[in-house]
Structures are given as C-alpha cells and as structure tokens.
C-alpha cells in the first residue's frame, strides 16, 4: 500500500514538473516565432487550398519580436508558380487561429488579404 502512494506522489510531482517546464518555455503573450511560423504555415496552406491553389510546399519564418512578429512565407504551387505570404501577427492560438494582417500572393496575384486565418 505504501508503495502505491509513493509512486502516485512521484507521478504527481513529475507531472507538475513537466507542466512548469512547458509553461516556462511559452512566452507570456503566446507569440513565439516558432508558434507563429508553424501556425501561419498550416493555416495559410489550408486557406490557399480553399481558394483552389494547389500548394506543393510552403515554408514560413517569423521574427523574434514577441509584441509584433512579422511572418514571411515562400512556396510553390504544383505547377511551379511562386507563393508568398507576408504580414504582421498580433495573436495566434494553438494552430487554430492566426490574427493580424496577412496577404498571400501567387505569381503577383493577391489570393487573400485578411486579418485572420483559421477559427478565430
């Protein structure tokens, strides 16, 4: 019986340590360059596909400015046209939503110019 309690206590302490570690890595406002770039990449790809753009690949990067990160994405369509997605991000939420001002161009043609992507 004592062994079960001791293991349970270690489990709770271990879980608390993991949660504290994860929380310590997340910036206060939730805008890290990696979160912004991954979220924008996935949501922009989805938005482009909804606009009937056949995305072969898209790669996004974001600046380290946690108050107003800028995102810059480049990619190609299946027929090798250039894709560009650029803008400012003011909020992002766990791969579900990116808010800010984002513009997508395919070979110079504006595909979308929005203030949010995803389920905001």
N, C-alpha and C. Protein backbone atom coordinates (compact mmCIF):
# COMPACT_ATOMS: atom_id res chain seq x y z
N UNK A 1 0.82 -1.18 0.00
CA UNK A 1 0.00 0.00 0.00
C UNK A 1 0.87 1.25 0.00
N UNK A 2 1.91 1.25 0.80
CA UNK A 2 2.81 2.40 0.87
C UNK A 2 3.50 2.65 -0.46
N UNK A 3 3.81 1.58 -1.16
CA UNK A 3 4.48 1.72 -2.44
C UNK A 3 3.59 2.43 -3.46
N UNK A 4 2.34 2.11 -3.47
CA UNK A 4 1.40 2.75 -4.40
C UNK A 4 1.33 4.24 -4.12
N UNK A 5 1.24 4.62 -2.86
CA UNK A 5 1.17 6.04 -2.51
C UNK A 5 2.45 6.76 -2.93
N UNK A 6 3.58 6.13 -2.71
CA UNK A 6 4.84 6.76 -3.06
C UNK A 6 4.93 6.95 -4.58
N UNK A 7 4.57 5.95 -5.37
CA UNK A 7 4.60 6.08 -6.82
C UNK A 7 3.61 7.13 -7.31
N UNK A 8 2.46 7.20 -6.67
CA UNK A 8 1.47 8.19 -7.05
C UNK A 8 2.01 9.59 -6.78
N UNK A 9 2.66 9.74 -5.66
CA UNK A 9 3.25 11.04 -5.31
C UNK A 9 4.32 11.45 -6.29
N UNK A 10 5.15 10.52 -6.72
CA UNK A 10 6.18 10.80 -7.71
C UNK A 10 5.54 11.17 -9.04
N UNK A 11 4.46 10.48 -9.38
CA UNK A 11 3.75 10.77 -10.62
C UNK A 11 3.19 12.19 -10.62
N UNK A 12 2.60 12.61 -9.53
CA UNK A 12 2.04 13.95 -9.43
C UNK A 12 3.17 14.98 -9.48
N UNK A 13 4.24 14.73 -8.75
CA UNK A 13 5.38 15.66 -8.75
C UNK A 13 5.99 15.74 -10.15
N UNK A 14 6.12 14.61 -10.81
CA UNK A 14 6.68 14.58 -12.16
C UNK A 14 5.80 15.34 -13.14
N UNK A 15 4.49 15.15 -13.04
CA UNK A 15 3.55 15.86 -13.91
C UNK A 15 3.62 17.37 -13.66
N UNK A 16 3.72 17.76 -12.41
CA UNK A 16 3.82 19.18 -12.06
C UNK A 16 5.10 19.78 -12.63
N UNK A 17 6.19 19.01 -12.60
CA UNK A 17 7.47 19.50 -13.12
C UNK A 17 7.38 19.68 -14.64
N UNK A 18 6.75 18.73 -15.32
CA UNK A 18 6.59 18.84 -16.77
C UNK A 18 5.75 20.06 -17.12
N UNK A 19 4.66 20.28 -16.41
CA UNK A 19 3.79 21.43 -16.67
C UNK A 19 4.55 22.73 -16.43
N UNK A 20 5.33 22.80 -15.37
CA UNK A 20 6.10 24.01 -15.08
C UNK A 20 7.13 24.26 -16.17
N UNK A 21 7.76 23.20 -16.67
CA UNK A 21 8.75 23.34 -17.72
C UNK A 21 8.11 23.85 -19.00
N UNK A 22 6.96 23.28 -19.38
CA UNK A 22 6.26 23.71 -20.58
C UNK A 22 5.83 25.16 -20.44
N UNK A 23 5.29 25.53 -19.29
CA UNK A 23 4.84 26.90 -19.06
C UNK A 23 6.01 27.88 -19.11
N UNK A 24 7.16 27.47 -18.62
CA UNK A 24 8.32 28.35 -18.60
C UNK A 24 8.83 28.64 -20.01
N UNK A 25 8.62 27.72 -20.95
CA UNK A 25 9.10 27.92 -22.32
C UNK A 25 8.16 28.77 -23.14
N UNK A 26 6.90 28.87 -22.75
CA UNK A 26 5.92 29.62 -23.51
C UNK A 26 5.98 31.08 -23.13
N UNK A 27 6.12 31.98 -24.10
CA UNK A 27 6.17 33.40 -23.76
C UNK A 27 4.85 33.85 -23.15
N UNK A 28 4.90 34.91 -22.37
CA UNK A 28 3.73 35.40 -21.66
C UNK A 28 2.58 35.67 -22.61
N UNK A 29 2.83 36.29 -23.75
CA UNK A 29 1.75 36.62 -24.68
C UNK A 29 1.48 35.53 -25.70
N UNK A 30 2.21 34.42 -25.67
CA UNK A 30 1.97 33.29 -26.56
C UNK A 30 2.51 33.47 -27.97
N UNK A 31 3.21 34.55 -28.26
CA UNK A 31 3.72 34.78 -29.61
C UNK A 31 5.21 34.50 -29.69
N UNK A 32 5.55 33.25 -29.92
CA UNK A 32 6.94 32.91 -30.17
C UNK A 32 7.10 32.76 -31.68
N UNK A 33 8.29 32.98 -32.18
CA UNK A 33 8.50 32.89 -33.62
C UNK A 33 8.17 31.50 -34.15
N UNK A 34 8.48 30.46 -33.39
CA UNK A 34 8.19 29.11 -33.86
C UNK A 34 6.69 28.85 -33.90
N UNK A 35 5.95 29.29 -32.88
CA UNK A 35 4.49 29.11 -32.88
C UNK A 35 3.86 29.87 -34.04
N UNK A 36 4.29 31.10 -34.25
CA UNK A 36 3.73 31.93 -35.31
C UNK A 36 4.03 31.32 -36.67
N UNK A 37 5.26 30.88 -36.90
CA UNK A 37 5.62 30.35 -38.21
C UNK A 37 4.89 29.03 -38.51
N UNK A 38 4.80 28.15 -37.55
CA UNK A 38 4.12 26.86 -37.76
C UNK A 38 2.62 27.09 -37.97
N UNK A 39 2.01 27.92 -37.13
CA UNK A 39 0.58 28.19 -37.26
C UNK A 39 0.26 28.84 -38.60
N UNK A 40 1.05 29.84 -38.98
CA UNK A 40 0.81 30.52 -40.25
C UNK A 40 1.00 29.58 -41.42
N UNK A 41 2.03 28.75 -41.37
CA UNK A 41 2.30 27.78 -42.43
C UNK A 41 1.08 26.89 -42.65
N UNK A 42 0.59 26.29 -41.60
CA UNK A 42 -0.53 25.35 -41.72
C UNK A 42 -1.83 26.04 -42.12
N UNK A 43 -2.12 27.18 -41.50
CA UNK A 43 -3.38 27.87 -41.78
C UNK A 43 -3.37 28.55 -43.15
N UNK A 44 -2.23 29.08 -43.58
CA UNK A 44 -2.14 29.69 -44.90
C UNK A 44 -2.26 28.63 -45.99
N UNK A 45 -1.64 27.47 -45.78
CA UNK A 45 -1.76 26.38 -46.74
C UNK A 45 -3.22 25.98 -46.90
N UNK A 46 -3.92 25.85 -45.80
CA UNK A 46 -5.34 25.49 -45.83
C UNK A 46 -6.16 26.56 -46.55
N UNK A 47 -5.90 27.84 -46.24
CA UNK A 47 -6.62 28.94 -46.88
C UNK A 47 -6.35 29.00 -48.38
N UNK A 48 -5.12 28.78 -48.78
CA UNK A 48 -4.78 28.77 -50.20
C UNK A 48 -5.50 27.63 -50.91
N UNK A 49 -5.54 26.47 -50.30
CA UNK A 49 -6.24 25.33 -50.91
C UNK A 49 -7.73 25.61 -51.04
N UNK A 50 -8.31 26.32 -50.05
CA UNK A 50 -9.72 26.68 -50.15
C UNK A 50 -9.97 27.65 -51.31
N UNK A 51 -8.94 28.39 -51.69
CA UNK A 51 -9.02 29.31 -52.84
C UNK A 51 -8.58 28.62 -54.13
N UNK A 52 -8.50 27.29 -54.10
CA UNK A 52 -8.18 26.45 -55.26
C UNK A 52 -6.75 26.63 -55.76
N UNK A 53 -5.85 26.95 -54.84
CA UNK A 53 -4.43 27.00 -55.16
C UNK A 53 -3.85 25.66 -54.72
N UNK A 54 -3.26 24.94 -55.66
CA UNK A 54 -2.66 23.65 -55.36
C UNK A 54 -1.25 23.86 -54.83
N UNK A 55 -1.12 23.81 -53.50
CA UNK A 55 0.15 24.09 -52.84
C UNK A 55 1.03 22.85 -52.85
N UNK A 56 2.21 22.98 -53.44
CA UNK A 56 3.18 21.89 -53.40
C UNK A 56 3.92 21.94 -52.07
N UNK A 57 4.38 23.15 -51.70
CA UNK A 57 5.04 23.33 -50.41
C UNK A 57 4.96 24.80 -50.01
N UNK A 58 5.01 25.03 -48.71
CA UNK A 58 5.03 26.38 -48.16
C UNK A 58 5.88 26.33 -46.90
N UNK A 59 6.76 27.30 -46.75
CA UNK A 59 7.63 27.37 -45.58
C UNK A 59 7.60 28.78 -45.02
N UNK A 60 7.32 28.89 -43.72
CA UNK A 60 7.18 30.20 -43.09
C UNK A 60 8.24 30.40 -42.01
N UNK A 61 8.63 31.67 -41.85
CA UNK A 61 9.51 32.05 -40.75
C UNK A 61 8.93 33.32 -40.15
N UNK A 62 9.26 33.56 -38.89
CA UNK A 62 8.76 34.75 -38.20
C UNK A 62 9.89 35.39 -37.41
N UNK A 63 9.79 36.70 -37.21
CA UNK A 63 10.79 37.41 -36.43
C UNK A 63 10.59 37.11 -34.95
N UNK A 64 11.59 37.38 -34.16
CA UNK A 64 11.54 37.11 -32.72
C UNK A 64 10.81 38.18 -31.92
N UNK A 65 10.28 39.20 -32.56
CA UNK A 65 9.56 40.27 -31.86
C UNK A 65 8.26 39.71 -31.30
N UNK A 66 8.18 39.55 -29.99
CA UNK A 66 7.02 38.91 -29.36
C UNK A 66 5.79 39.81 -29.29
N UNK A 67 5.97 41.10 -29.48
CA UNK A 67 4.82 42.01 -29.46
C UNK A 67 4.19 42.17 -30.84
N UNK A 68 5.01 42.14 -31.88
CA UNK A 68 4.52 42.32 -33.24
C UNK A 68 5.38 41.54 -34.23
N UNK A 69 5.32 40.20 -34.15
CA UNK A 69 6.15 39.42 -35.07
C UNK A 69 5.69 39.55 -36.51
N UNK A 70 6.65 39.59 -37.39
CA UNK A 70 6.38 39.61 -38.82
C UNK A 70 6.61 38.20 -39.34
N UNK A 71 5.72 37.77 -40.22
CA UNK A 71 5.84 36.43 -40.78
C UNK A 71 6.08 36.57 -42.28
N UNK A 72 6.92 35.67 -42.79
CA UNK A 72 7.28 35.68 -44.20
C UNK A 72 7.31 34.23 -44.67
N UNK A 73 6.45 33.91 -45.63
CA UNK A 73 6.37 32.54 -46.15
C UNK A 73 6.67 32.55 -47.64
N UNK A 74 7.33 31.51 -48.09
CA UNK A 74 7.58 31.30 -49.51
C UNK A 74 7.21 29.87 -49.84
N UNK A 75 6.82 29.67 -51.09
CA UNK A 75 6.45 28.32 -51.50
C UNK A 75 6.24 28.24 -53.00
N UNK A 76 5.72 27.10 -53.41
CA UNK A 76 5.44 26.83 -54.82
C UNK A 76 4.12 26.08 -54.94
N UNK A 77 3.46 26.35 -56.05
CA UNK A 77 2.25 25.59 -56.39
C UNK A 77 2.69 24.31 -57.10
N UNK A 78 1.73 23.44 -57.34
CA UNK A 78 2.05 22.20 -58.07
C UNK A 78 2.57 22.48 -59.47
N UNK A 79 2.14 23.60 -60.07
CA UNK A 79 2.63 23.95 -61.41
C UNK A 79 3.78 24.96 -61.35
N UNK A 80 4.48 25.01 -60.21
CA UNK A 80 5.72 25.76 -60.01
C UNK A 80 5.58 27.29 -60.00
N UNK A 81 4.37 27.81 -59.71
CA UNK A 81 4.23 29.26 -59.54
C UNK A 81 4.67 29.62 -58.13
N UNK A 82 5.24 30.84 -57.98
CA UNK A 82 5.73 31.30 -56.67
C UNK A 82 4.57 31.70 -55.77
N UNK A 83 4.67 31.29 -54.50
CA UNK A 83 3.71 31.68 -53.46
C UNK A 83 4.46 32.53 -52.45
N UNK A 84 3.80 33.61 -52.01
CA UNK A 84 4.35 34.47 -50.96
C UNK A 84 3.22 34.82 -49.99
N UNK A 85 3.47 34.63 -48.71
CA UNK A 85 2.52 35.05 -47.67
C UNK A 85 3.32 35.90 -46.70
N UNK A 86 2.85 37.14 -46.46
CA UNK A 86 3.57 38.05 -45.58
C UNK A 86 2.59 38.80 -44.71
N UNK A 87 3.10 39.26 -43.56
CA UNK A 87 2.27 40.10 -42.73
C UNK A 87 2.74 40.21 -41.30
N UNK A 88 1.91 40.86 -40.51
CA UNK A 88 2.13 41.03 -39.07
C UNK A 88 1.16 40.13 -38.33
N UNK A 89 1.61 39.53 -37.25
CA UNK A 89 0.75 38.68 -36.44
C UNK A 89 0.60 39.31 -35.06
N UNK A 90 -0.64 39.47 -34.63
CA UNK A 90 -0.90 40.06 -33.32
C UNK A 90 -1.35 39.02 -32.30
N UNK A 91 -1.81 37.86 -32.80
CA UNK A 91 -2.28 36.80 -31.90
C UNK A 91 -2.27 35.49 -32.65
N UNK A 92 -1.95 34.41 -31.94
CA UNK A 92 -2.06 33.07 -32.51
C UNK A 92 -2.52 32.13 -31.41
N UNK A 93 -3.22 31.10 -31.81
CA UNK A 93 -3.79 30.18 -30.84
C UNK A 93 -3.66 28.73 -31.30
N UNK A 94 -2.68 28.04 -30.76
CA UNK A 94 -2.52 26.58 -30.91
C UNK A 94 -2.89 26.00 -32.27
N UNK A 95 -2.34 26.52 -33.32
CA UNK A 95 -2.55 26.02 -34.68
C UNK A 95 -4.00 26.17 -35.15
N UNK A 96 -4.83 26.91 -34.41
CA UNK A 96 -6.23 27.08 -34.79
C UNK A 96 -6.51 28.45 -35.38
N UNK A 97 -5.72 29.43 -35.00
CA UNK A 97 -6.02 30.80 -35.39
C UNK A 97 -4.74 31.65 -35.41
N UNK A 98 -4.64 32.48 -36.43
CA UNK A 98 -3.60 33.50 -36.50
C UNK A 98 -4.31 34.80 -36.84
N UNK A 99 -4.11 35.82 -36.01
CA UNK A 99 -4.71 37.12 -36.27
C UNK A 99 -3.62 38.13 -36.56
N UNK A 100 -3.95 39.11 -37.34
CA UNK A 100 -3.03 40.15 -37.77
C UNK A 100 -3.41 40.53 -39.18
N UNK A 101 -2.48 41.04 -39.94
CA UNK A 101 -2.74 41.37 -41.34
C UNK A 101 -1.85 40.51 -42.21
N UNK A 102 -2.45 39.61 -42.98
CA UNK A 102 -1.70 38.66 -43.81
C UNK A 102 -2.17 38.75 -45.26
N UNK A 103 -1.21 38.75 -46.16
CA UNK A 103 -1.50 38.81 -47.59
C UNK A 103 -0.79 37.67 -48.29
N UNK A 104 -1.54 36.95 -49.14
CA UNK A 104 -0.97 35.86 -49.93
C UNK A 104 -0.99 36.24 -51.40
N UNK A 105 0.14 36.05 -52.05
CA UNK A 105 0.28 36.29 -53.48
C UNK A 105 0.73 35.01 -54.17
N UNK A 106 0.17 34.75 -55.35
CA UNK A 106 0.64 33.67 -56.21
C UNK A 106 1.00 34.31 -57.54
N UNK A 107 2.30 34.30 -57.86
CA UNK A 107 2.83 34.95 -59.07
C UNK A 107 2.34 36.39 -59.17
N UNK A 108 2.33 37.10 -58.04
CA UNK A 108 1.96 38.51 -58.03
C UNK A 108 0.47 38.78 -57.91
N UNK A 109 -0.37 37.78 -58.02
CA UNK A 109 -1.82 37.95 -57.90
C UNK A 109 -2.24 37.73 -56.45
N UNK A 110 -2.99 38.67 -55.88
CA UNK A 110 -3.45 38.54 -54.50
C UNK A 110 -4.51 37.45 -54.41
N UNK A 111 -4.24 36.45 -53.56
CA UNK A 111 -5.19 35.36 -53.35
C UNK A 111 -6.04 35.65 -52.11
N UNK A 112 -5.40 36.15 -51.05
CA UNK A 112 -6.16 36.64 -49.91
C UNK A 112 -5.41 37.77 -49.22
N UNK A 113 -6.19 38.65 -48.61
CA UNK A 113 -5.68 39.78 -47.82
C UNK A 113 -6.61 39.84 -46.62
N UNK A 114 -6.18 39.25 -45.50
CA UNK A 114 -7.08 39.01 -44.37
C UNK A 114 -6.51 39.52 -43.05
N UNK A 115 -7.38 39.58 -42.07
CA UNK A 115 -6.97 39.96 -40.71
C UNK A 115 -7.05 38.77 -39.77
N UNK A 116 -7.23 37.58 -40.31
CA UNK A 116 -7.24 36.37 -39.51
C UNK A 116 -7.34 35.14 -40.38
N UNK A 117 -6.67 34.09 -39.95
CA UNK A 117 -6.74 32.79 -40.62
C UNK A 117 -7.16 31.76 -39.58
N UNK A 118 -7.99 30.83 -39.98
CA UNK A 118 -8.41 29.77 -39.08
C UNK A 118 -9.67 30.13 -38.33
N UNK A 119 -9.93 29.37 -37.26
CA UNK A 119 -11.13 29.55 -36.43
C UNK A 119 -10.80 30.51 -35.29
N UNK A 120 -10.92 31.79 -35.56
CA UNK A 120 -10.56 32.82 -34.57
C UNK A 120 -11.75 33.20 -33.71
